[in-house]
Amino acid sequence: MTDSGHIVLSLLRLCTGGSLEDFPRRESYDWNEVLDLCVRNGIAALVWDGMQRLYDNHIFDAGTMEQPLMDEWTSWIMSTEQDWRLMKLQADRLSRFFSSHDIPMMVLKGYGTSLDWPDPSHRTSGDLDIWLFGKSQEADTLLSKEKGIEVNNDHHHHTVFILKDRLVENHYDFVNTASHRSNRPYERRLKELAMLDRAVPCDGFYIPGPQLEALFNLRHMALHFAAVGCTLRHLMDWGFMAAAHREQIDWEEVIRISQEAGMYRFLCALDTICVEDLGFDAACFPILERERVLADRILDDILDPEFKERLPRHLIPGLFFKYRRWKAAWWKHDIVFSDSKVDTFFTQFKAHLAKPASLRES
């Protein structure tokens, strides 16, 4: 792990209640590299909250950071806060449109997950992911007819459209059941929970309740990690969620389902990182086994990815790129899926034949 990686983790521990005395004292810090790492991991605003604790307690002097860099960091914080407010507004408006047609809407990940953070507006926003309780096709038709919005159906498990410059993913499945067989029983449980385990945060749209959030976020993060990698933001999502809802989550079910899906070791490593590296209270996590060696490899891959190639623009080179990336990620496959690699290859081959445009996805 790089020196900047250690600094970022130290600052994140300050965001979870860590001791100020544990922050490494140095004569100089490479703040450009620290900020770059924070931006790539979607945690620039959150890490600034950790630095603020140092400033407030006179442990750190803002003068050690050059003004242009401080201005850049401030700009990231302001844009993160503004985008969070915009996402909430867009979700409110979209839910009102669907409600006028008797279609309930649940917002997945993003906004609902941010409510578990100390400052929700400091969680970097992305796409707006929604689930419409089995009415996704009806909703897409309404968007096209009444709003003139073009809906793209080239993706697995969701359609896609643009709303005020934001990509919206309209999920008919929570996870991609076409890519891995082990996702199918997992998906059935997520849909069962979605009808029962939900909450209304504001203006009528739903967010996942604690059990649904735990199971969905865990699988979503694992799938991201195995496919293209995940970020420190994903880890903080998991930690803040567990801290906020530890008494409301059926951890026995989380453990059992993670074992059935083939990602129990991933769960143990994830909890190990949250406790030992990010400073979350161990009481928040059902750690049955420590996975320190695996946790180190996962954390190193997040901070400095083992596979660094970029997706080529053209199709044929892109296919070879994806095969190399898939092969390089075999170790990730083994800790995330119960499916064999051979079964995964042919399952995904069939899925790409059904939706050829998915070959161009990153």
Protein backbone atom coordinates (compact mmCIF):
# COMPACT_ATOMS: atom_id res chain seq x y z
CA MET A 1 0.00 0.00 0.00
CA THR A 2 1.27 3.47 -0.87
CA ASP A 3 1.93 6.17 1.70
CA SER A 4 -1.06 8.12 0.41
CA GLY A 5 -3.21 5.03 0.87
CA HIS A 6 -2.23 4.92 4.54
CA ILE A 7 -3.06 8.61 4.94
CA VAL A 8 -6.50 8.18 3.33
CA LEU A 9 -7.33 5.23 5.60
CA SER A 10 -6.18 7.24 8.63
CA LEU A 11 -8.47 10.10 7.64
CA LEU A 12 -11.39 7.71 7.09
CA ARG A 13 -10.87 6.32 10.58
CA LEU A 14 -11.35 9.85 11.87
CA CYS A 15 -14.78 9.80 10.18
CA THR A 16 -15.78 6.68 12.10
CA GLY A 17 -14.79 7.90 15.53
CA GLY A 18 -11.10 7.00 15.50
CA SER A 19 -8.62 8.61 17.87
CA LEU A 20 -7.02 11.86 16.75
CA GLU A 21 -3.73 10.67 18.23
CA ASP A 22 -3.55 7.82 15.72
CA PHE A 23 -3.18 10.14 12.74
CA PRO A 24 0.41 9.87 11.41
CA ARG A 25 2.40 13.06 12.05
CA ARG A 26 4.76 13.96 9.22
CA GLU A 27 6.69 16.98 8.04
CA SER A 28 5.06 16.82 4.62
CA TYR A 29 2.20 15.07 2.86
CA ASP A 30 1.60 14.49 -0.83
CA TRP A 31 -1.84 16.08 -0.81
CA ASN A 32 -2.15 15.98 -4.61
CA GLU A 33 -1.84 12.21 -4.55
CA VAL A 34 -4.18 11.95 -1.56
CA LEU A 35 -6.85 14.03 -3.30
CA ASP A 36 -6.48 12.04 -6.52
CA LEU A 37 -6.99 8.80 -4.59
CA CYS A 38 -10.02 10.27 -2.82
CA VAL A 39 -11.62 11.45 -6.06
CA ARG A 40 -11.09 8.08 -7.76
CA ASN A 41 -12.75 6.41 -4.79
CA GLY A 42 -15.65 8.83 -4.42
CA ILE A 43 -14.73 9.97 -0.90
CA ALA A 44 -13.22 13.46 -1.32
CA ALA A 45 -15.96 15.19 0.70
CA LEU A 46 -15.99 12.51 3.39
CA VAL A 47 -12.22 12.58 3.87
CA TRP A 48 -12.39 16.36 4.25
CA ASP A 49 -14.67 15.76 7.25
CA GLY A 50 -11.86 13.73 8.80
CA MET A 51 -9.38 16.51 8.12
CA GLN A 52 -11.77 18.97 9.72
CA ARG A 53 -11.44 17.08 13.00
CA LEU A 54 -7.69 17.62 12.82
CA TYR A 55 -8.11 21.35 12.12
CA ASP A 56 -10.68 21.81 14.89
CA ASN A 57 -8.37 20.18 17.41
CA HIS A 58 -5.29 22.14 16.28
CA ILE A 59 -3.49 18.96 15.26
CA PHE A 60 -3.18 20.01 11.65
CA ASP A 61 -2.58 23.36 10.01
CA ALA A 62 -4.33 24.15 6.73
CA GLY A 63 -1.21 26.06 5.75
CA THR A 64 0.52 22.79 4.93
CA MET A 65 -1.71 22.54 1.85
CA GLU A 66 -1.20 24.89 -1.06
CA GLN A 67 -4.13 27.20 -1.78
CA PRO A 68 -4.86 25.96 -5.35
CA LEU A 69 -5.17 22.40 -4.06
CA MET A 70 -7.37 23.50 -1.17
CA ASP A 71 -9.58 25.35 -3.67
CA GLU A 72 -9.80 22.22 -5.81
CA TRP A 73 -10.76 20.10 -2.80
CA THR A 74 -13.39 22.66 -1.78
CA SER A 75 -14.77 22.53 -5.31
CA TRP A 76 -15.16 18.75 -5.07
CA ILE A 77 -17.05 19.13 -1.78
CA MET A 78 -19.40 21.76 -3.22
CA SER A 79 -20.10 19.76 -6.38
CA THR A 80 -20.73 16.60 -4.30
CA GLU A 81 -23.23 18.44 -2.11
CA GLN A 82 -24.94 20.09 -5.06
CA ASP A 83 -25.22 16.82 -6.99
CA TRP A 84 -26.68 15.07 -3.93
CA ARG A 85 -29.39 17.73 -3.62
CA LEU A 86 -30.07 17.51 -7.36
CA MET A 87 -30.41 13.72 -7.23
CA LYS A 88 -32.92 13.99 -4.37
CA LEU A 89 -34.91 16.58 -6.33
CA GLN A 90 -34.88 14.43 -9.48
CA ALA A 91 -35.98 11.36 -7.51
CA ASP A 92 -38.83 13.37 -5.94
CA ARG A 93 -40.06 14.61 -9.32
CA LEU A 94 -39.80 11.22 -10.99
CA SER A 95 -41.65 9.52 -8.13
CA ARG A 96 -44.47 12.08 -8.36
CA PHE A 97 -44.83 11.37 -12.09
CA PHE A 98 -45.03 7.63 -11.51
CA SER A 99 -47.34 8.07 -8.49
CA SER A 100 -49.80 9.96 -10.71
CA HIS A 101 -50.06 6.71 -12.67
CA ASP A 102 -50.32 4.50 -9.54
CA ILE A 103 -46.75 3.22 -9.91
CA PRO A 104 -44.76 3.17 -6.65
CA MET A 105 -41.02 3.85 -6.91
CA MET A 106 -38.10 2.65 -4.82
CA VAL A 107 -34.71 4.37 -5.07
CA LEU A 108 -31.85 1.89 -4.80
CA LYS A 109 -28.31 2.53 -3.56
CA GLY A 110 -27.35 6.23 -3.89
CA TYR A 111 -29.78 8.43 -2.00
CA GLY A 112 -31.06 5.83 0.46
CA THR A 113 -27.53 4.65 1.22
CA SER A 114 -26.39 8.22 1.82
CA LEU A 115 -28.87 8.57 4.69
CA ASP A 116 -26.68 6.25 6.77
CA TRP A 117 -23.64 8.55 6.34
CA PRO A 118 -22.80 11.19 8.98
CA ASP A 119 -23.42 13.87 6.34
CA PRO A 120 -25.60 12.36 3.55
CA SER A 121 -24.66 15.14 1.11
CA HIS A 122 -20.99 14.11 1.34
CA ARG A 123 -21.64 10.77 -0.36
CA THR A 124 -20.76 11.05 -4.05
CA SER A 125 -23.82 10.51 -6.22
CA GLY A 126 -23.93 8.66 -9.51
CA ASP A 127 -26.71 7.16 -11.58
CA LEU A 128 -30.26 7.15 -10.25
CA ASP A 129 -31.28 3.52 -9.77
CA ILE A 130 -34.99 2.77 -9.34
CA TRP A 131 -37.25 -0.26 -8.93
CA LEU A 132 -40.96 -0.01 -9.74
CA PHE A 133 -42.47 -3.09 -8.11
CA GLY A 134 -42.93 -5.07 -11.31
CA LYS A 135 -44.17 -2.15 -13.40
CA SER A 136 -40.92 -1.19 -15.15
CA GLN A 137 -42.23 -1.90 -18.66
CA GLU A 138 -45.40 0.10 -18.06
CA ALA A 139 -43.29 2.96 -16.72
CA ASP A 140 -40.98 2.94 -19.74
CA THR A 141 -44.02 3.19 -22.03
CA LEU A 142 -45.37 6.15 -20.07
CA LEU A 143 -42.02 7.93 -20.20
CA SER A 144 -41.87 7.50 -23.94
CA LYS A 145 -45.47 8.55 -24.64
CA GLU A 146 -45.94 11.37 -22.15
CA LYS A 147 -42.41 12.73 -21.73
CA GLY A 148 -40.86 11.90 -25.08
CA ILE A 149 -37.98 10.19 -23.27
CA GLU A 150 -36.03 7.58 -25.25
CA VAL A 151 -35.61 4.36 -23.28
CA ASN A 152 -32.68 2.03 -24.02
CA ASN A 153 -33.34 -1.71 -23.58
CA ASP A 154 -29.87 -2.99 -24.51
CA HIS A 155 -28.80 -3.79 -20.94
CA HIS A 156 -29.36 -6.78 -18.72
CA HIS A 157 -31.64 -6.41 -15.66
CA HIS A 158 -32.57 -2.76 -16.29
CA THR A 159 -33.51 -0.26 -18.95
CA VAL A 160 -31.78 3.10 -19.20
CA PHE A 161 -32.89 6.65 -19.93
CA ILE A 162 -31.56 10.18 -19.42
CA LEU A 163 -33.36 12.55 -17.05
CA LYS A 164 -31.98 16.10 -16.86
CA ASP A 165 -28.46 14.92 -17.76
CA ARG A 166 -28.55 12.08 -15.21
CA LEU A 167 -28.53 8.43 -16.23
CA VAL A 168 -31.47 6.55 -14.73
CA GLU A 169 -31.45 2.76 -14.49
CA ASN A 170 -34.97 1.33 -14.29
CA HIS A 171 -34.42 -2.11 -12.73
CA TYR A 172 -36.72 -5.01 -13.47
CA ASP A 173 -34.23 -7.18 -11.57
CA PHE A 174 -32.07 -6.07 -8.66
CA VAL A 175 -29.07 -8.07 -9.90
CA ASN A 176 -28.14 -9.50 -13.28
CA THR A 177 -29.67 -12.99 -13.36
CA ALA A 178 -28.46 -13.53 -16.93
CA SER A 179 -24.76 -13.38 -16.06
CA HIS A 180 -24.54 -15.89 -13.17
CA ARG A 181 -26.84 -18.68 -12.09
CA SER A 182 -26.05 -17.97 -8.44
CA ASN A 183 -27.77 -14.59 -8.82
CA ARG A 184 -31.16 -16.20 -9.47
CA PRO A 185 -32.09 -17.48 -6.00
CA TYR A 186 -30.53 -14.32 -4.58
CA GLU A 187 -32.79 -12.23 -6.83
CA ARG A 188 -35.88 -14.11 -5.66
CA ARG A 189 -35.10 -13.23 -2.04
CA LEU A 190 -34.45 -9.58 -2.91
CA LYS A 191 -37.83 -9.30 -4.62
CA GLU A 192 -39.56 -10.94 -1.66
CA LEU A 193 -37.95 -8.42 0.68
CA ALA A 194 -38.74 -5.48 -1.60
CA MET A 195 -42.45 -6.08 -1.04
CA LEU A 196 -41.98 -6.11 2.74
CA ASP A 197 -38.79 -4.34 3.81
CA ARG A 198 -39.08 -0.76 2.65
CA ALA A 199 -39.34 2.75 4.03
CA VAL A 200 -40.58 6.13 2.80
CA PRO A 201 -37.99 8.90 3.32
CA CYS A 202 -39.85 11.81 1.73
CA ASP A 203 -42.46 12.80 -0.85
CA GLY A 204 -43.65 9.26 -1.36
CA PHE A 205 -40.76 7.30 -2.88
CA TYR A 206 -39.42 4.24 -1.12
CA ILE A 207 -35.93 3.22 -0.11
CA PRO A 208 -34.84 -0.30 0.87
CA GLY A 209 -35.34 -1.27 4.49
CA PRO A 210 -32.33 -2.53 6.47
CA GLN A 211 -32.53 -6.21 5.49
CA LEU A 212 -33.03 -5.48 1.80
CA GLU A 213 -30.31 -2.82 1.88
CA ALA A 214 -27.83 -5.20 3.52
CA LEU A 215 -28.41 -8.07 1.08
CA PHE A 216 -28.66 -5.89 -2.02
CA ASN A 217 -25.64 -3.69 -1.24
CA LEU A 218 -23.53 -6.74 -0.37
CA ARG A 219 -24.29 -8.50 -3.66
CA HIS A 220 -24.04 -5.33 -5.70
CA MET A 221 -20.61 -4.56 -4.24
CA ALA A 222 -19.42 -8.14 -4.76
CA LEU A 223 -20.54 -8.11 -8.41
CA HIS A 224 -18.83 -4.77 -8.99
CA PHE A 225 -15.66 -6.05 -7.37
CA ALA A 226 -15.56 -9.21 -9.50
CA ALA A 227 -16.34 -7.39 -12.75
CA VAL A 228 -14.55 -4.04 -12.77
CA GLY A 229 -13.55 -3.42 -9.15
CA CYS A 230 -15.10 -1.46 -6.31
CA THR A 231 -14.07 1.64 -4.37
CA LEU A 232 -13.58 2.87 -0.84
CA ARG A 233 -17.01 4.49 -1.13
CA HIS A 234 -18.53 1.00 -1.43
CA LEU A 235 -16.70 -0.06 1.74
CA MET A 236 -17.86 3.04 3.63
CA ASP A 237 -21.42 2.40 2.43
CA TRP A 238 -21.26 -1.06 4.00
CA GLY A 239 -19.72 0.20 7.22
CA PHE A 240 -22.13 3.09 7.74
CA MET A 241 -25.10 0.86 6.86
CA ALA A 242 -24.05 -1.76 9.42
CA ALA A 243 -23.45 0.90 12.07
CA ALA A 244 -26.84 2.50 11.47
CA HIS A 245 -28.92 -0.70 11.34
CA ARG A 246 -27.00 -3.40 13.19
CA GLU A 247 -29.96 -4.14 15.49
CA GLN A 248 -32.45 -4.29 12.63
CA ILE A 249 -30.56 -6.66 10.31
CA ASP A 250 -30.97 -10.42 10.47
CA TRP A 251 -27.25 -11.19 10.26
CA GLU A 252 -27.85 -14.95 10.34
CA GLU A 253 -29.72 -14.65 7.05
CA VAL A 254 -27.02 -12.42 5.58
CA ILE A 255 -24.38 -15.03 6.48
CA ARG A 256 -26.46 -17.96 5.23
CA ILE A 257 -27.32 -16.35 1.90
CA SER A 258 -23.74 -15.19 1.39
CA GLN A 259 -22.61 -18.80 1.87
CA GLU A 260 -25.19 -20.08 -0.63
CA ALA A 261 -24.15 -17.45 -3.18
CA GLY A 262 -20.44 -18.25 -2.77
CA MET A 263 -19.33 -14.95 -1.24
CA TYR A 264 -18.97 -15.77 2.46
CA ARG A 265 -15.19 -15.22 2.42
CA PHE A 266 -15.76 -11.91 0.65
CA LEU A 267 -18.17 -10.90 3.43
CA CYS A 268 -15.65 -11.86 6.12
CA ALA A 269 -12.88 -9.92 4.38
CA LEU A 270 -15.17 -6.92 3.94
CA ASP A 271 -16.03 -6.89 7.64
CA THR A 272 -12.36 -7.32 8.52
CA ILE A 273 -11.47 -4.21 6.49
CA CYS A 274 -14.29 -2.20 8.04
CA VAL A 275 -13.16 -3.02 11.58
CA GLU A 276 -9.38 -3.22 11.32
CA ASP A 277 -8.67 -0.67 8.58
CA LEU A 278 -11.61 1.76 8.61
CA GLY A 279 -12.24 1.89 12.34
CA PHE A 280 -15.87 0.80 12.56
CA ASP A 281 -17.05 -0.75 15.82
CA ALA A 282 -16.62 -4.53 15.69
CA ALA A 283 -20.01 -4.91 17.38
CA CYS A 284 -21.64 -3.75 14.13
CA PHE A 285 -20.43 -6.80 12.18
CA PRO A 286 -21.10 -10.52 12.40
CA ILE A 287 -17.47 -11.45 11.87
CA LEU A 288 -17.27 -15.21 12.38
CA GLU A 289 -13.86 -15.54 10.75
CA ARG A 290 -11.09 -13.05 10.21
CA GLU A 291 -9.84 -12.91 6.61
CA ARG A 292 -6.78 -10.69 7.01
CA VAL A 293 -4.78 -12.03 4.05
CA LEU A 294 -7.75 -11.81 1.70
CA ALA A 295 -8.72 -8.42 3.14
CA ASP A 296 -5.23 -7.10 2.35
CA ARG A 297 -5.47 -8.24 -1.25
CA ILE A 298 -8.93 -6.74 -1.70
CA LEU A 299 -7.88 -3.45 -0.13
CA ASP A 300 -4.68 -3.30 -2.21
CA ASP A 301 -6.70 -3.94 -5.37
CA ILE A 302 -9.05 -1.08 -4.50
CA LEU A 303 -6.24 1.38 -3.78
CA ASP A 304 -3.98 0.21 -6.61
CA PRO A 305 -5.83 -2.13 -9.02
CA GLU A 306 -3.94 -5.22 -10.16
CA PHE A 307 -5.46 -4.93 -13.66
CA LYS A 308 -4.81 -1.42 -14.95
CA GLU A 309 -5.62 -1.64 -18.66
CA ARG A 310 -8.32 0.63 -20.07
CA LEU A 311 -11.20 -0.55 -22.25
CA PRO A 312 -10.36 0.09 -25.95
CA ARG A 313 -12.83 2.05 -28.04
CA HIS A 314 -13.25 -0.57 -30.77
CA LEU A 315 -15.25 -3.79 -30.41
CA ILE A 316 -12.72 -6.51 -31.28
CA PRO A 317 -9.87 -5.14 -29.13
CA GLY A 318 -12.50 -4.58 -26.45
CA LEU A 319 -13.48 -8.25 -26.49
CA PHE A 320 -9.86 -9.35 -26.00
CA PHE A 321 -9.54 -6.76 -23.24
CA LYS A 322 -12.58 -8.18 -21.44
CA TYR A 323 -11.24 -11.71 -21.69
CA ARG A 324 -7.89 -10.62 -20.19
CA ARG A 325 -9.67 -8.75 -17.42
CA TRP A 326 -11.96 -11.72 -16.73
CA LYS A 327 -8.97 -14.06 -16.56
CA ALA A 328 -7.04 -11.67 -14.29
CA ALA A 329 -10.07 -11.55 -11.99
CA TRP A 330 -10.43 -15.32 -11.54
CA TRP A 331 -9.37 -14.97 -7.91
CA LYS A 332 -12.24 -12.54 -7.40
CA HIS A 333 -14.66 -14.95 -9.05
CA ASP A 334 -13.70 -17.61 -6.52
CA ILE A 335 -14.67 -15.45 -3.54
CA VAL A 336 -17.87 -13.98 -5.01
CA PHE A 337 -19.64 -16.75 -6.94
CA SER A 338 -20.62 -20.35 -6.34
CA ASP A 339 -20.73 -20.86 -10.14
CA SER A 340 -17.85 -22.63 -11.83
CA LYS A 341 -15.78 -20.62 -14.29
CA VAL A 342 -16.86 -22.86 -17.18
CA ASP A 343 -20.52 -22.39 -16.31
CA THR A 344 -19.96 -18.64 -15.95
CA PHE A 345 -18.30 -18.42 -19.38
CA PHE A 346 -21.16 -20.14 -21.21
CA THR A 347 -23.85 -18.37 -19.19
CA GLN A 348 -22.37 -14.99 -20.06
CA PHE A 349 -21.81 -16.02 -23.68
CA LYS A 350 -25.52 -16.82 -23.93
CA ALA A 351 -26.41 -13.54 -22.21
CA HIS A 352 -24.33 -11.52 -24.67
CA LEU A 353 -26.00 -13.28 -27.60
CA ALA A 354 -29.37 -12.22 -26.23
CA LYS A 355 -28.23 -8.59 -25.87
CA PRO A 356 -25.21 -8.01 -28.17
CA ALA A 357 -24.97 -4.34 -27.17
CA SER A 358 -23.91 -5.48 -23.70
CA LEU A 359 -20.54 -6.40 -25.19
CA ARG A 360 -19.78 -2.69 -25.39
CA GLU A 361 -20.44 -2.08 -21.68
CA SER A 362 -17.44 -1.49 -19.45
